[in-house]
């Protein structure tokens, strides 16, 4: 049976400093990683996300729900882009019912302009929202089926 006295003295002393050095580096790396996660979480939690691309187009056109808080409701565009000439273009699909209709859309966004009929199925409205001139084109699409669901497509073009 071997005892501690029988073991060579230099071998054990060389292993311990290596283990300690490795343990110190490992613990330091863990601390740095933990601090990084805490900083990342704080930045993610305490910074606002801001507007997405669709919401910024809505704001530019004066159609964002924050710009019409008294309405208590809003419509979500099916298309939102800024054209090459800088005009904000939004498209909405509006039903022909109690909850969703062209009249409710116009009331929600405070559009009081007089309509101009450009064809049997198209009506145009123009107004100003702040310094933005908006043109609303409403295209009515009746259902081909008897008793089918009628809807309208509203295109908003806003130029500064």
C-alpha atoms as a PDB file:
ATOM      1  CA  UNK A   1       0.000   0.000   0.000  1.00  0.00           C
ATOM      2  CA  UNK A   2       1.379   3.391  -1.012  1.00  0.00           C
ATOM      3  CA  UNK A   3       1.296   6.335   1.370  1.00  0.00           C
ATOM      4  CA  UNK A   4       1.684  10.048   0.839  1.00  0.00           C
ATOM      5  CA  UNK A   5       5.283   9.784   1.845  1.00  0.00           C
ATOM      6  CA  UNK A   6       5.959   7.292  -0.981  1.00  0.00           C
ATOM      7  CA  UNK A   7       4.579   9.651  -3.691  1.00  0.00           C
ATOM      8  CA  UNK A   8       7.055  11.951  -5.490  1.00  0.00           C
ATOM      9  CA  UNK A   9       6.780  15.473  -4.089  1.00  0.00           C
ATOM     10  CA  UNK A  10       6.974  17.580  -7.273  1.00  0.00           C
ATOM     11  CA  UNK A  11       4.139  15.897  -9.182  1.00  0.00           C
ATOM     12  CA  UNK A  12       1.211  16.968  -6.931  1.00  0.00           C
ATOM     13  CA  UNK A  13       2.454  20.549  -6.571  1.00  0.00           C
ATOM     14  CA  UNK A  14       2.553  21.033 -10.362  1.00  0.00           C
ATOM     15  CA  UNK A  15      -1.047  19.805 -10.897  1.00  0.00           C
ATOM     16  CA  UNK A  16      -2.702  22.051  -8.289  1.00  0.00           C
ATOM     17  CA  UNK A  17      -1.662  25.458  -9.753  1.00  0.00           C
ATOM     18  CA  UNK A  18      -2.881  24.366 -13.218  1.00  0.00           C
ATOM     19  CA  UNK A  19      -6.257  23.336 -11.819  1.00  0.00           C
ATOM     20  CA  UNK A  20      -6.583  26.554  -9.848  1.00  0.00           C
ATOM     21  CA  UNK A  21      -5.631  28.678 -12.842  1.00  0.00           C
ATOM     22  CA  UNK A  22      -8.187  26.848 -15.026  1.00  0.00           C
ATOM     23  CA  UNK A  23     -10.865  27.218 -12.326  1.00  0.00           C
ATOM     24  CA  UNK A  24     -10.182  30.965 -11.958  1.00  0.00           C
ATOM     25  CA  UNK A  25     -10.463  31.508 -15.729  1.00  0.00           C
ATOM     26  CA  UNK A  26     -13.637  29.439 -15.909  1.00  0.00           C
ATOM     27  CA  UNK A  27     -15.263  31.379 -13.059  1.00  0.00           C
ATOM     28  CA  UNK A  28     -14.202  34.725 -14.605  1.00  0.00           C
ATOM     29  CA  UNK A  29     -15.739  33.678 -17.928  1.00  0.00           C
ATOM     30  CA  UNK A  30     -18.985  32.714 -16.143  1.00  0.00           C
ATOM     31  CA  UNK A  31     -19.131  36.099 -14.411  1.00  0.00           C
ATOM     32  CA  UNK A  32     -18.538  37.997 -17.679  1.00  0.00           C
ATOM     33  CA  UNK A  33     -21.202  35.930 -19.483  1.00  0.00           C
ATOM     34  CA  UNK A  34     -23.719  36.505 -16.662  1.00  0.00           C
ATOM     35  CA  UNK A  35     -23.091  40.271 -16.711  1.00  0.00           C
ATOM     36  CA  UNK A  36     -23.537  40.294 -20.490  1.00  0.00           C
ATOM     37  CA  UNK A  37     -26.894  38.531 -20.213  1.00  0.00           C
ATOM     38  CA  UNK A  38     -28.038  40.998 -17.524  1.00  0.00           C
ATOM     39  CA  UNK A  39     -27.056  44.006 -19.666  1.00  0.00           C
ATOM     40  CA  UNK A  40     -28.760  42.516 -22.751  1.00  0.00           C
ATOM     41  CA  UNK A  41     -31.961  41.839 -20.785  1.00  0.00           C
ATOM     42  CA  UNK A  42     -31.968  45.375 -19.344  1.00  0.00           C
ATOM     43  CA  UNK A  43     -31.554  46.935 -22.792  1.00  0.00           C
ATOM     44  CA  UNK A  44     -34.293  44.719 -24.253  1.00  0.00           C
ATOM     45  CA  UNK A  45     -36.724  45.482 -21.428  1.00  0.00           C
ATOM     46  CA  UNK A  46     -36.175  49.203 -21.015  1.00  0.00           C
ATOM     47  CA  UNK A  47     -35.969  50.413 -24.614  1.00  0.00           C
ATOM     48  CA  UNK A  48     -39.078  50.938 -26.692  1.00  0.00           C
ATOM     49  CA  UNK A  49     -39.493  48.898 -29.827  1.00  0.00           C
ATOM     50  CA  UNK A  50     -40.550  51.926 -31.883  1.00  0.00           C
ATOM     51  CA  UNK A  51     -42.756  51.884 -34.931  1.00  0.00           C
ATOM     52  CA  UNK A  52     -42.490  49.140 -37.464  1.00  0.00           C
ATOM     53  CA  UNK A  53     -42.286  49.993 -41.160  1.00  0.00           C
ATOM     54  CA  UNK A  54     -46.068  49.712 -41.598  1.00  0.00           C
ATOM     55  CA  UNK A  55     -46.786  51.974 -38.615  1.00  0.00           C
ATOM     56  CA  UNK A  56     -44.372  54.645 -39.820  1.00  0.00           C
ATOM     57  CA  UNK A  57     -46.194  54.749 -43.178  1.00  0.00           C
ATOM     58  CA  UNK A  58     -49.505  55.047 -41.297  1.00  0.00           C
ATOM     59  CA  UNK A  59     -48.123  57.985 -39.262  1.00  0.00           C
ATOM     60  CA  UNK A  60     -46.848  59.690 -42.400  1.00  0.00           C
ATOM     61  CA  UNK A  61     -50.339  59.437 -43.936  1.00  0.00           C
ATOM     62  CA  UNK A  62     -52.093  60.591 -40.761  1.00  0.00           C
ATOM     63  CA  UNK A  63     -53.835  57.228 -40.414  1.00  0.00           C
ATOM     64  CA  UNK A  64     -52.131  55.818 -37.295  1.00  0.00           C
ATOM     65  CA  UNK A  65     -54.501  54.965 -34.442  1.00  0.00           C
ATOM     66  CA  UNK A  66     -52.539  57.212 -32.024  1.00  0.00           C
ATOM     67  CA  UNK A  67     -53.399  60.159 -34.277  1.00  0.00           C
ATOM     68  CA  UNK A  68     -57.138  59.464 -33.863  1.00  0.00           C
ATOM     69  CA  UNK A  69     -57.548  58.448 -30.201  1.00  0.00           C
ATOM     70  CA  UNK A  70     -61.169  59.574 -29.953  1.00  0.00           C
ATOM     71  CA  UNK A  71     -62.249  56.898 -32.445  1.00  0.00           C
ATOM     72  CA  UNK A  72     -61.576  54.072 -30.003  1.00  0.00           C
ATOM     73  CA  UNK A  73     -60.977  51.728 -32.925  1.00  0.00           C
ATOM     74  CA  UNK A  74     -58.916  51.561 -36.079  1.00  0.00           C
ATOM     75  CA  UNK A  75     -58.491  49.662 -39.319  1.00  0.00           C
ATOM     76  CA  UNK A  76     -55.379  47.665 -40.211  1.00  0.00           C
ATOM     77  CA  UNK A  77     -54.020  48.222 -43.718  1.00  0.00           C
ATOM     78  CA  UNK A  78     -53.444  45.270 -46.027  1.00  0.00           C
ATOM     79  CA  UNK A  79     -50.661  47.209 -47.762  1.00  0.00           C
ATOM     80  CA  UNK A  80     -48.416  50.040 -46.546  1.00  0.00           C
ATOM     81  CA  UNK A  81     -45.469  51.436 -48.520  1.00  0.00           C
ATOM     82  CA  UNK A  82     -43.789  54.721 -49.311  1.00  0.00           C
ATOM     83  CA  UNK A  83     -43.765  55.347 -53.056  1.00  0.00           C
ATOM     84  CA  UNK A  84     -40.705  56.558 -54.957  1.00  0.00           C
ATOM     85  CA  UNK A  85     -42.112  60.099 -55.006  1.00  0.00           C
ATOM     86  CA  UNK A  86     -42.346  60.095 -51.170  1.00  0.00           C
ATOM     87  CA  UNK A  87     -46.099  59.592 -50.963  1.00  0.00           C
ATOM     88  CA  UNK A  88     -47.420  57.204 -48.335  1.00  0.00           C
ATOM     89  CA  UNK A  89     -49.720  54.593 -49.877  1.00  0.00           C
ATOM     90  CA  UNK A  90     -52.064  52.480 -47.743  1.00  0.00           C
ATOM     91  CA  UNK A  91     -54.722  49.988 -48.785  1.00  0.00           C
ATOM     92  CA  UNK A  92     -57.606  48.777 -46.656  1.00  0.00           C
ATOM     93  CA  UNK A  93     -60.250  46.139 -47.250  1.00  0.00           C
ATOM     94  CA  UNK A  94     -63.526  47.159 -45.628  1.00  0.00           C
ATOM     95  CA  UNK A  95     -66.645  45.028 -45.396  1.00  0.00           C
ATOM     96  CA  UNK A  96     -70.239  46.007 -45.856  1.00  0.00           C
ATOM     97  CA  UNK A  97     -71.548  45.318 -42.388  1.00  0.00           C
ATOM     98  CA  UNK A  98     -72.291  46.897 -39.043  1.00  0.00           C
ATOM     99  CA  UNK A  99     -68.753  46.587 -37.647  1.00  0.00           C
ATOM    100  CA  UNK A 100     -66.874  47.363 -40.842  1.00  0.00           C
ATOM    101  CA  UNK A 101     -68.126  49.703 -43.520  1.00  0.00           C
ATOM    102  CA  UNK A 102     -66.976  52.640 -45.611  1.00  0.00           C
ATOM    103  CA  UNK A 103     -69.082  55.002 -43.478  1.00  0.00           C
ATOM    104  CA  UNK A 104     -67.473  53.699 -40.288  1.00  0.00           C
ATOM    105  CA  UNK A 105     -64.004  54.029 -41.856  1.00  0.00           C
ATOM    106  CA  UNK A 106     -64.669  57.657 -42.799  1.00  0.00           C
ATOM    107  CA  UNK A 107     -66.071  58.408 -39.335  1.00  0.00           C
ATOM    108  CA  UNK A 108     -63.137  56.668 -37.578  1.00  0.00           C
ATOM    109  CA  UNK A 109     -60.567  58.833 -39.364  1.00  0.00           C
ATOM    110  CA  UNK A 110     -62.607  62.073 -39.301  1.00  0.00           C
ATOM    111  CA  UNK A 111     -62.904  62.298 -43.088  1.00  0.00           C
ATOM    112  CA  UNK A 112     -65.617  64.838 -43.821  1.00  0.00           C
ATOM    113  CA  UNK A 113     -64.723  65.674 -47.427  1.00  0.00           C
ATOM    114  CA  UNK A 114     -67.412  65.604 -50.096  1.00  0.00           C
ATOM    115  CA  UNK A 115     -67.249  62.508 -52.305  1.00  0.00           C
ATOM    116  CA  UNK A 116     -66.575  62.721 -56.049  1.00  0.00           C
ATOM    117  CA  UNK A 117     -67.807  59.768 -58.104  1.00  0.00           C
ATOM    118  CA  UNK A 118     -65.336  58.844 -60.822  1.00  0.00           C
ATOM    119  CA  UNK A 119     -67.132  55.685 -62.034  1.00  0.00           C
ATOM    120  CA  UNK A 120     -70.114  53.574 -60.971  1.00  0.00           C
ATOM    121  CA  UNK A 121     -67.913  51.656 -58.538  1.00  0.00           C
ATOM    122  CA  UNK A 122     -65.333  54.348 -57.567  1.00  0.00           C
ATOM    123  CA  UNK A 123     -65.624  57.325 -55.236  1.00  0.00           C
ATOM    124  CA  UNK A 124     -62.822  59.727 -54.299  1.00  0.00           C
ATOM    125  CA  UNK A 125     -62.412  61.920 -51.206  1.00  0.00           C
ATOM    126  CA  UNK A 126     -59.666  64.502 -50.608  1.00  0.00           C
ATOM    127  CA  UNK A 127     -58.728  66.217 -47.369  1.00  0.00           C
ATOM    128  CA  UNK A 128     -55.821  67.570 -45.332  1.00  0.00           C
ATOM    129  CA  UNK A 129     -54.462  66.163 -42.087  1.00  0.00           C
ATOM    130  CA  UNK A 130     -52.005  68.691 -40.718  1.00  0.00           C
ATOM    131  CA  UNK A 131     -49.658  69.446 -43.587  1.00  0.00           C
ATOM    132  CA  UNK A 132     -50.456  66.195 -45.404  1.00  0.00           C
ATOM    133  CA  UNK A 133     -52.846  66.094 -48.365  1.00  0.00           C
ATOM    134  CA  UNK A 134     -54.695  62.773 -48.478  1.00  0.00           C
ATOM    135  CA  UNK A 135     -56.675  61.262 -51.335  1.00  0.00           C
ATOM    136  CA  UNK A 136     -59.009  58.358 -50.550  1.00  0.00           C
ATOM    137  CA  UNK A 137     -60.175  56.185 -53.416  1.00  0.00           C
ATOM    138  CA  UNK A 138     -63.000  53.816 -52.519  1.00  0.00           C
ATOM    139  CA  UNK A 139     -63.624  50.985 -54.984  1.00  0.00           C
ATOM    140  CA  UNK A 140     -66.786  49.028 -54.302  1.00  0.00           C
ATOM    141  CA  UNK A 141     -66.656  45.325 -55.117  1.00  0.00           C
ATOM    142  CA  UNK A 142     -70.087  43.732 -55.070  1.00  0.00           C
ATOM    143  CA  UNK A 143     -70.251  40.010 -54.563  1.00  0.00           C
ATOM    144  CA  UNK A 144     -70.959  38.027 -57.757  1.00  0.00           C
ATOM    145  CA  UNK A 145     -73.196  35.687 -55.742  1.00  0.00           C
ATOM    146  CA  UNK A 146     -76.689  36.585 -54.638  1.00  0.00           C
ATOM    147  CA  UNK A 147     -76.531  37.382 -50.932  1.00  0.00           C
ATOM    148  CA  UNK A 148     -72.716  37.250 -51.046  1.00  0.00           C
ATOM    149  CA  UNK A 149     -70.358  39.399 -49.033  1.00  0.00           C
ATOM    150  CA  UNK A 150     -69.811  42.870 -50.496  1.00  0.00           C
ATOM    151  CA  UNK A 151     -66.652  44.766 -49.654  1.00  0.00           C
ATOM    152  CA  UNK A 152     -64.775  47.895 -50.605  1.00  0.00           C
ATOM    153  CA  UNK A 153     -61.100  48.504 -51.169  1.00  0.00           C
ATOM    154  CA  UNK A 154     -59.887  51.866 -49.892  1.00  0.00           C
ATOM    155  CA  UNK A 155     -56.597  53.268 -51.133  1.00  0.00           C
ATOM    156  CA  UNK A 156     -55.067  56.207 -49.267  1.00  0.00           C
ATOM    157  CA  UNK A 157     -52.381  58.278 -50.919  1.00  0.00           C
ATOM    158  CA  UNK A 158     -50.830  60.959 -48.713  1.00  0.00           C
ATOM    159  CA  UNK A 159     -48.344  63.557 -49.938  1.00  0.00           C
ATOM    160  CA  UNK A 160     -46.605  66.148 -47.778  1.00  0.00           C
END
